[in-house]
């Protein structure tokens, strides 16, 4: 894999740390800013909504920018948003910084996904995507638990400052190693923006985007509210939150690594095996969450299955959007974050029910069930490149 791809993954690591670390910081933020944990959870949704809306919009605006300049600008804007968030005492202001950071992240990831696909042959898009998304999974292994420990020791603001600092070496790497050429939307013979947007009317593309969103909604719905499960349901101390996040991240890294080697040529088995196992795992975790050993094992397994299935579906988005070279990354980003936006909102509604802290786990199981029911009649679209024949 080309060196610039790993440098892009470094920036994704910084951004992934920010996106996921709130799972361990929500109680501290809620207490400091005098809001409920459920209200604090909307910070995750605000970030995701900003990415859903921002990905296509920013990608369209930036499609003719020099690629290196665009990526560098997005990283620096992301860092600035975190610096403001670290000093504010207002929840609405913090909420606004999450939206701004999301727009910067959306622009970066949309361009980076397109750039990653362009750096490798078409039959290696899945592996390139796995390398890029490894930045997110490494964030869940190292960055997110590190942010949780830092937040526990020094307060949640220190974690925000750390993310801002992480962006600086990533920006330097982009400046030094990413080619300064124009974005693909400006390349000779490239399709017009109208043509690229028209791809969104294709049923196969809509299908894989929907499936990716549903699986990611399940992932974020439970991940966002893992901290109360660890401390209240399992009865463990706050430092165990970091252990659980490390296990989820280690599983996600394993899942995306394995799926990256299969998603280009054999996505069908990943979905056929991983989907039902993921569906079974969420309610099993809800039933056994009060047993620490079971909690640890199942969190690892769910991390692996969630990212194996999710990354495979997002790779299918890039394949189905091949005729939209400068916008495909934004479609994948929008699908990922439509799920990340809705998942915590759906999960939050279950916290005040009789299910309590376990409600998000049951909600995640339901979301995966919906995804599998939608996918089954059109499984050939997900499994192979015969989408046109199936859905036309």
Protein backbone atom coordinates (compact mmCIF):
# COMPACT_ATOMS: atom_id res chain seq x y z
CA UNK A 1 0.00 0.00 0.00
CA UNK A 2 1.31 3.51 -0.85
CA UNK A 3 2.82 5.65 1.95
CA UNK A 4 0.30 8.53 1.48
CA UNK A 5 -2.46 6.07 2.36
CA UNK A 6 -0.95 5.49 5.81
CA UNK A 7 -0.56 9.22 6.37
CA UNK A 8 -4.23 9.67 5.59
CA UNK A 9 -4.92 6.91 8.12
CA UNK A 10 -2.98 8.94 10.72
CA UNK A 11 -5.38 11.84 10.26
CA UNK A 12 -8.34 9.44 10.41
CA UNK A 13 -6.87 8.19 13.71
CA UNK A 14 -7.03 11.70 15.19
CA UNK A 15 -10.56 12.23 13.94
CA UNK A 16 -11.70 8.77 15.00
CA UNK A 17 -10.34 9.39 18.48
CA UNK A 18 -12.55 12.45 18.72
CA UNK A 19 -15.62 10.75 17.32
CA UNK A 20 -15.44 7.71 19.60
CA UNK A 21 -13.88 9.11 22.79
CA UNK A 22 -17.16 10.67 23.92
CA UNK A 23 -18.31 7.17 24.91
CA UNK A 24 -15.97 7.40 27.88
CA UNK A 25 -16.42 11.11 28.58
CA UNK A 26 -20.19 11.57 28.54
CA UNK A 27 -20.76 11.33 32.32
CA UNK A 28 -17.97 13.86 32.98
CA UNK A 29 -19.24 16.26 30.30
CA UNK A 30 -22.83 15.96 31.56
CA UNK A 31 -21.77 16.72 35.13
CA UNK A 32 -19.48 19.61 34.21
CA UNK A 33 -21.98 21.35 31.90
CA UNK A 34 -25.06 20.49 33.99
CA UNK A 35 -26.93 18.40 31.42
CA UNK A 36 -28.21 14.82 31.47
CA UNK A 37 -26.17 11.93 30.08
CA UNK A 38 -28.81 11.51 27.38
CA UNK A 39 -28.43 15.16 26.39
CA UNK A 40 -24.66 14.80 26.36
CA UNK A 41 -25.12 11.81 24.06
CA UNK A 42 -26.56 14.15 21.44
CA UNK A 43 -23.01 15.44 20.93
CA UNK A 44 -22.32 12.16 19.12
CA UNK A 45 -25.41 12.64 16.98
CA UNK A 46 -24.50 16.29 16.29
CA UNK A 47 -21.14 15.16 15.00
CA UNK A 48 -22.71 12.48 12.84
CA UNK A 49 -25.43 14.77 11.45
CA UNK A 50 -22.76 17.30 10.53
CA UNK A 51 -20.94 14.59 8.62
CA UNK A 52 -24.06 13.31 6.87
CA UNK A 53 -24.99 16.79 5.65
CA UNK A 54 -21.44 17.97 5.18
CA UNK A 55 -19.96 15.04 3.29
CA UNK A 56 -21.75 15.55 -0.05
CA UNK A 57 -21.85 19.35 0.30
CA UNK A 58 -18.19 19.81 1.18
CA UNK A 59 -17.09 17.15 -1.31
CA UNK A 60 -18.97 18.97 -4.08
CA UNK A 61 -17.37 22.28 -3.12
CA UNK A 62 -13.89 20.76 -2.82
CA UNK A 63 -13.95 18.43 -5.85
CA UNK A 64 -11.83 20.85 -7.92
CA UNK A 65 -9.51 21.97 -5.12
CA UNK A 66 -5.91 20.79 -5.00
CA UNK A 67 -6.20 17.57 -3.02
CA UNK A 68 -3.37 18.29 -0.59
CA UNK A 69 -4.64 21.79 0.18
CA UNK A 70 -8.14 20.51 0.84
CA UNK A 71 -7.01 17.73 3.16
CA UNK A 72 -4.67 20.09 5.04
CA UNK A 73 -7.37 22.73 5.48
CA UNK A 74 -9.86 20.20 6.81
CA UNK A 75 -7.39 18.83 9.38
CA UNK A 76 -6.50 22.31 10.67
CA UNK A 77 -10.17 23.31 10.91
CA UNK A 78 -10.82 20.12 12.88
CA UNK A 79 -8.02 21.00 15.31
CA UNK A 80 -9.35 24.55 15.79
CA UNK A 81 -12.86 23.27 16.59
CA UNK A 82 -11.44 21.08 19.35
CA UNK A 83 -9.43 23.93 20.82
CA UNK A 84 -12.62 26.01 21.11
CA UNK A 85 -14.51 23.03 22.56
CA UNK A 86 -11.82 22.55 25.19
CA UNK A 87 -12.24 26.04 26.63
CA UNK A 88 -16.00 26.59 26.45
CA UNK A 89 -18.28 26.38 29.47
CA UNK A 90 -21.45 26.37 27.37
CA UNK A 91 -23.09 23.18 26.19
CA UNK A 92 -24.62 24.89 23.09
CA UNK A 93 -21.18 26.16 22.11
CA UNK A 94 -19.70 22.69 22.61
CA UNK A 95 -22.53 21.31 20.51
CA UNK A 96 -21.71 23.83 17.77
CA UNK A 97 -18.01 22.91 17.81
CA UNK A 98 -18.98 19.29 17.25
CA UNK A 99 -20.92 20.29 14.15
CA UNK A 100 -18.00 22.36 12.83
CA UNK A 101 -15.58 19.52 13.56
CA UNK A 102 -17.94 17.14 11.79
CA UNK A 103 -18.01 19.30 8.66
CA UNK A 104 -14.21 19.33 8.62
CA UNK A 105 -14.10 15.59 9.23
CA UNK A 106 -16.69 15.01 6.52
CA UNK A 107 -14.73 16.98 3.98
CA UNK A 108 -11.52 15.24 4.90
CA UNK A 109 -12.95 11.73 4.85
CA UNK A 110 -14.86 12.25 1.61
CA UNK A 111 -11.69 13.40 -0.15
CA UNK A 112 -9.54 10.78 1.61
CA UNK A 113 -11.81 7.88 0.64
CA UNK A 114 -11.75 8.99 -2.97
CA UNK A 115 -7.99 9.50 -2.82
CA UNK A 116 -7.45 6.08 -1.24
CA UNK A 117 -9.44 4.39 -4.00
CA UNK A 118 -7.46 6.29 -6.63
CA UNK A 119 -4.11 5.21 -5.15
CA UNK A 120 -4.69 1.50 -5.85
CA UNK A 121 -6.06 -0.68 -8.68
CA UNK A 122 -9.85 -1.20 -8.72
CA UNK A 123 -9.58 -4.76 -7.37
CA UNK A 124 -7.79 -3.49 -4.23
CA UNK A 125 -10.26 -0.83 -3.15
CA UNK A 126 -11.41 -2.92 -0.23
CA UNK A 127 -7.86 -3.31 1.12
CA UNK A 128 -7.17 0.41 0.65
CA UNK A 129 -10.37 1.20 2.54
CA UNK A 130 -9.29 -1.21 5.30
CA UNK A 131 -5.98 0.64 5.69
CA UNK A 132 -7.76 3.99 5.83
CA UNK A 133 -10.35 2.77 8.33
CA UNK A 134 -7.60 1.20 10.41
CA UNK A 135 -7.03 4.75 11.61
CA UNK A 136 -10.48 4.60 13.18
CA UNK A 137 -10.00 1.14 14.65
CA UNK A 138 -6.59 2.03 16.09
CA UNK A 139 -8.29 5.06 17.60
CA UNK A 140 -10.68 2.74 19.43
CA UNK A 141 -7.73 0.61 20.61
CA UNK A 142 -5.37 3.39 21.70
CA UNK A 143 -6.75 6.89 21.18
CA UNK A 144 -10.19 6.45 22.68
CA UNK A 145 -9.14 4.59 25.83
CA UNK A 146 -6.25 7.02 26.16
CA UNK A 147 -8.73 9.88 25.94
CA UNK A 148 -10.91 8.17 28.54
CA UNK A 149 -7.97 7.74 30.94
CA UNK A 150 -6.87 11.32 30.29
CA UNK A 151 -10.42 12.52 30.90
CA UNK A 152 -10.66 10.55 34.13
CA UNK A 153 -7.32 11.87 35.38
CA UNK A 154 -7.39 15.47 34.12
CA UNK A 155 -10.96 16.11 32.98
CA UNK A 156 -12.66 15.84 29.62
CA UNK A 157 -11.15 19.13 28.39
CA UNK A 158 -7.68 17.59 28.43
CA UNK A 159 -8.92 14.93 26.01
CA UNK A 160 -10.14 17.64 23.61
CA UNK A 161 -6.75 19.37 23.78
CA UNK A 162 -5.04 16.06 23.06
CA UNK A 163 -7.10 15.56 19.89
CA UNK A 164 -6.21 19.06 18.70
CA UNK A 165 -2.53 18.24 19.25
CA UNK A 166 -2.86 14.94 17.38
CA UNK A 167 -3.96 16.81 14.28
CA UNK A 168 -0.64 18.64 13.96
CA UNK A 169 1.64 15.70 13.00
CA UNK A 170 -1.12 14.46 10.71
CA UNK A 171 -1.19 17.86 8.98
CA UNK A 172 2.59 17.83 8.61
CA UNK A 173 2.49 14.35 7.09
CA UNK A 174 -0.15 15.43 4.57
CA UNK A 175 1.87 18.52 3.68
CA UNK A 176 5.02 16.49 3.08
CA UNK A 177 3.73 13.33 1.41
CA UNK A 178 0.37 13.84 -0.32
CA UNK A 179 0.73 14.94 -3.96
CA UNK A 180 -0.22 18.54 -4.65
CA UNK A 181 -2.20 17.70 -7.79
CA UNK A 182 -5.77 18.63 -8.51
CA UNK A 183 -8.70 16.56 -7.27
CA UNK A 184 -10.13 13.94 -9.56
CA UNK A 185 -13.25 15.96 -10.35
CA UNK A 186 -11.05 18.29 -12.39
CA UNK A 187 -9.21 15.54 -14.26
CA UNK A 188 -9.50 15.53 -18.02
CA UNK A 189 -12.52 13.57 -19.10
CA UNK A 190 -13.91 13.35 -15.56
CA UNK A 191 -17.69 13.30 -15.17
CA UNK A 192 -19.63 16.45 -14.41
CA UNK A 193 -21.03 16.98 -10.92
CA UNK A 194 -24.57 16.48 -12.22
CA UNK A 195 -23.56 13.08 -13.60
CA UNK A 196 -21.96 12.06 -10.33
CA UNK A 197 -24.99 13.13 -8.29
CA UNK A 198 -27.23 11.16 -10.65
CA UNK A 199 -25.61 7.98 -9.36
CA UNK A 200 -27.65 8.44 -6.17
CA UNK A 201 -30.74 7.41 -8.12
CA UNK A 202 -29.34 3.92 -8.72
CA UNK A 203 -31.12 1.33 -6.52
CA UNK A 204 -27.98 -0.79 -5.90
CA UNK A 205 -26.12 2.22 -4.51
CA UNK A 206 -29.08 3.25 -2.37
CA UNK A 207 -29.34 -0.31 -1.02
CA UNK A 208 -25.72 -0.67 0.11
CA UNK A 209 -25.76 2.83 1.59
CA UNK A 210 -28.87 1.95 3.60
CA UNK A 211 -27.37 -1.30 4.85
CA UNK A 212 -24.14 0.42 5.84
CA UNK A 213 -26.12 3.06 7.72
CA UNK A 214 -28.18 0.49 9.63
CA UNK A 215 -25.16 -1.54 10.72
CA UNK A 216 -23.29 1.59 11.78
CA UNK A 217 -26.36 2.80 13.67
CA UNK A 218 -26.27 -0.42 15.66
CA UNK A 219 -22.55 0.01 16.34
CA UNK A 220 -22.80 3.62 17.52
CA UNK A 221 -26.04 3.08 19.37
CA UNK A 222 -24.40 0.68 21.81
CA UNK A 223 -20.85 2.05 21.75
CA UNK A 224 -21.98 5.53 22.77
CA UNK A 225 -23.57 4.23 25.96
CA UNK A 226 -21.10 1.51 26.97
CA UNK A 227 -19.79 3.48 29.95
CA UNK A 228 -22.97 3.09 32.08
CA UNK A 229 -23.08 -0.63 31.21
CA UNK A 230 -19.54 -1.06 32.54
CA UNK A 231 -19.95 0.96 35.74
CA UNK A 232 -23.61 0.37 36.64
CA UNK A 233 -24.65 -2.97 35.13
CA UNK A 234 -21.34 -4.81 35.52
CA UNK A 235 -20.48 -2.91 38.70
CA UNK A 236 -16.91 -2.11 37.65
CA UNK A 237 -14.88 1.01 38.40
CA UNK A 238 -14.49 3.90 35.96
CA UNK A 239 -11.03 2.79 34.82
CA UNK A 240 -12.60 -0.41 33.47
CA UNK A 241 -14.38 1.72 30.89
CA UNK A 242 -11.03 2.12 29.17
CA UNK A 243 -10.44 -1.64 29.26
CA UNK A 244 -13.78 -2.29 27.59
CA UNK A 245 -13.10 0.36 24.95
CA UNK A 246 -9.70 -1.22 24.24
CA UNK A 247 -11.36 -4.60 23.78
CA UNK A 248 -13.96 -3.15 21.42
CA UNK A 249 -11.21 -1.38 19.48
CA UNK A 250 -9.02 -4.48 19.30
CA UNK A 251 -11.97 -6.41 17.95
CA UNK A 252 -12.78 -3.71 15.42
CA UNK A 253 -9.17 -3.68 14.20
CA UNK A 254 -9.23 -7.45 13.77
CA UNK A 255 -12.57 -7.29 11.98
CA UNK A 256 -11.67 -4.57 9.52
CA UNK A 257 -8.31 -6.21 8.78
CA UNK A 258 -9.86 -9.57 7.94
CA UNK A 259 -12.75 -8.02 6.02
CA UNK A 260 -10.35 -5.85 4.01
CA UNK A 261 -8.88 -8.98 2.48
CA UNK A 262 -12.28 -10.42 1.58
CA UNK A 263 -14.53 -7.49 0.71
CA UNK A 264 -13.21 -6.98 -2.84
CA UNK A 265 -13.66 -10.54 -4.06
CA UNK A 266 -15.88 -12.35 -1.56
CA UNK A 267 -18.12 -9.90 0.29
CA UNK A 268 -20.97 -12.42 0.36
CA UNK A 269 -19.50 -14.73 3.02
CA UNK A 270 -18.64 -11.75 5.24
CA UNK A 271 -22.27 -10.62 5.22
CA UNK A 272 -23.77 -14.13 5.31
CA UNK A 273 -21.70 -15.19 8.33
CA UNK A 274 -21.05 -11.88 10.09
CA UNK A 275 -24.61 -10.55 9.85
CA UNK A 276 -26.39 -13.30 11.81
CA UNK A 277 -23.57 -13.47 14.37
CA UNK A 278 -23.76 -9.72 14.90
CA UNK A 279 -27.53 -9.98 15.29
CA UNK A 280 -27.14 -12.70 17.92
CA UNK A 281 -24.37 -10.86 19.76
CA UNK A 282 -26.19 -7.70 20.81
CA UNK A 283 -29.04 -9.34 22.79
CA UNK A 284 -26.57 -11.88 24.20
CA UNK A 285 -24.46 -9.01 25.47
CA UNK A 286 -27.57 -7.43 27.02
CA UNK A 287 -28.36 -10.66 28.87
CA UNK A 288 -24.81 -11.27 30.12
CA UNK A 289 -23.56 -7.71 30.69
CA UNK A 290 -23.61 -8.15 34.46
CA UNK A 291 -20.89 -10.81 34.16
CA UNK A 292 -17.54 -9.05 33.54
CA UNK A 293 -15.89 -12.01 31.76
CA UNK A 294 -18.80 -12.34 29.35
CA UNK A 295 -18.93 -8.57 28.89
CA UNK A 296 -15.26 -8.46 27.90
CA UNK A 297 -15.50 -11.36 25.45
CA UNK A 298 -18.70 -10.16 23.80
CA UNK A 299 -17.52 -6.56 23.46
CA UNK A 300 -14.45 -7.81 21.57
CA UNK A 301 -16.60 -10.03 19.35
CA UNK A 302 -19.13 -7.30 18.61
CA UNK A 303 -16.36 -4.86 17.73
CA UNK A 304 -14.91 -7.35 15.27
CA UNK A 305 -18.25 -8.25 13.69
CA UNK A 306 -19.50 -4.65 13.53
CA UNK A 307 -16.45 -3.37 11.69
CA UNK A 308 -16.06 -6.43 9.47
CA UNK A 309 -19.63 -6.11 8.25
CA UNK A 310 -19.67 -2.30 8.19
CA UNK A 311 -16.40 -1.91 6.27
CA UNK A 312 -17.51 -4.53 3.73
CA UNK A 313 -20.74 -2.64 3.08
CA UNK A 314 -18.90 0.67 2.74
CA UNK A 315 -16.50 -0.95 0.28
CA UNK A 316 -19.58 -1.95 -1.72
CA UNK A 317 -20.68 1.70 -1.70
CA UNK A 318 -17.37 2.69 -3.32
CA UNK A 319 -17.75 -0.08 -5.91
CA UNK A 320 -21.34 0.85 -6.73
CA UNK A 321 -20.38 4.55 -6.97
CA UNK A 322 -17.43 3.93 -9.29
CA UNK A 323 -19.00 6.24 -11.90
CA UNK A 324 -18.85 9.11 -9.39
CA UNK A 325 -15.07 9.25 -8.77
CA UNK A 326 -14.94 12.54 -6.85
CA UNK A 327 -18.19 12.04 -4.90
CA UNK A 328 -18.04 8.32 -4.05
CA UNK A 329 -16.18 9.00 -0.83
CA UNK A 330 -18.87 11.44 0.29
CA UNK A 331 -21.59 8.85 -0.36
CA UNK A 332 -19.71 6.33 1.79
CA UNK A 333 -19.16 8.97 4.48
CA UNK A 334 -22.83 9.95 4.45
CA UNK A 335 -23.90 6.31 4.81
CA UNK A 336 -21.53 5.72 7.72
CA UNK A 337 -22.65 8.81 9.58
CA UNK A 338 -26.35 8.56 8.86
CA UNK A 339 -26.05 5.48 11.02
CA UNK A 340 -23.82 7.20 13.55
CA UNK A 341 -26.40 10.00 13.86
CA UNK A 342 -29.50 7.86 14.24
CA UNK A 343 -28.00 5.08 16.35
CA UNK A 344 -27.38 7.11 19.53
CA UNK A 345 -30.75 8.86 19.17
CA UNK A 346 -32.57 5.54 18.94
CA UNK A 347 -30.49 4.13 21.78
CA UNK A 348 -31.10 7.17 24.01
CA UNK A 349 -34.86 6.64 23.83
CA UNK A 350 -34.41 3.27 25.54
CA UNK A 351 -32.51 4.56 28.57
CA UNK A 352 -35.67 5.65 30.39
CA UNK A 353 -37.49 2.37 29.72
CA UNK A 354 -37.45 -0.73 31.89
CA UNK A 355 -34.39 -1.91 29.93
CA UNK A 356 -32.37 0.97 31.41
CA UNK A 357 -28.66 0.90 30.57
CA UNK A 358 -29.16 -2.26 28.52
CA UNK A 359 -31.71 -0.64 26.22
CA UNK A 360 -29.11 0.46 23.64
CA UNK A 361 -27.90 -3.14 23.27
CA UNK A 362 -31.41 -4.36 22.50
CA UNK A 363 -31.90 -1.46 20.09
CA UNK A 364 -28.69 -2.41 18.26
CA UNK A 365 -29.96 -5.93 17.82
CA UNK A 366 -33.16 -4.59 16.30
CA UNK A 367 -31.25 -2.37 13.87
CA UNK A 368 -29.13 -5.28 12.66
CA UNK A 369 -32.28 -7.38 12.25
CA UNK A 370 -33.78 -4.69 10.02
CA UNK A 371 -30.57 -4.58 7.95
CA UNK A 372 -30.61 -8.34 7.39
CA UNK A 373 -34.29 -8.34 6.47
CA UNK A 374 -33.66 -5.59 3.90
CA UNK A 375 -30.54 -7.30 2.54
CA UNK A 376 -31.91 -10.81 2.12
CA UNK A 377 -34.03 -10.30 -1.04
CA UNK A 378 -31.13 -8.48 -2.72
CA UNK A 379 -28.21 -10.50 -1.37
CA UNK A 380 -26.63 -10.78 -4.83
CA UNK A 381 -26.11 -6.99 -4.85
CA UNK A 382 -24.04 -7.19 -1.68
CA UNK A 383 -22.29 -10.40 -2.60
CA UNK A 384 -21.12 -9.62 -6.14
CA UNK A 385 -21.04 -7.13 -8.96
CA UNK A 386 -24.30 -8.27 -10.51
CA UNK A 387 -26.29 -5.40 -9.05
CA UNK A 388 -27.52 -4.01 -12.32
CA UNK A 389 -29.08 -7.28 -13.39
CA UNK A 390 -30.74 -7.85 -10.02
CA UNK A 391 -32.38 -4.48 -9.50
CA UNK A 392 -33.03 -3.11 -12.94
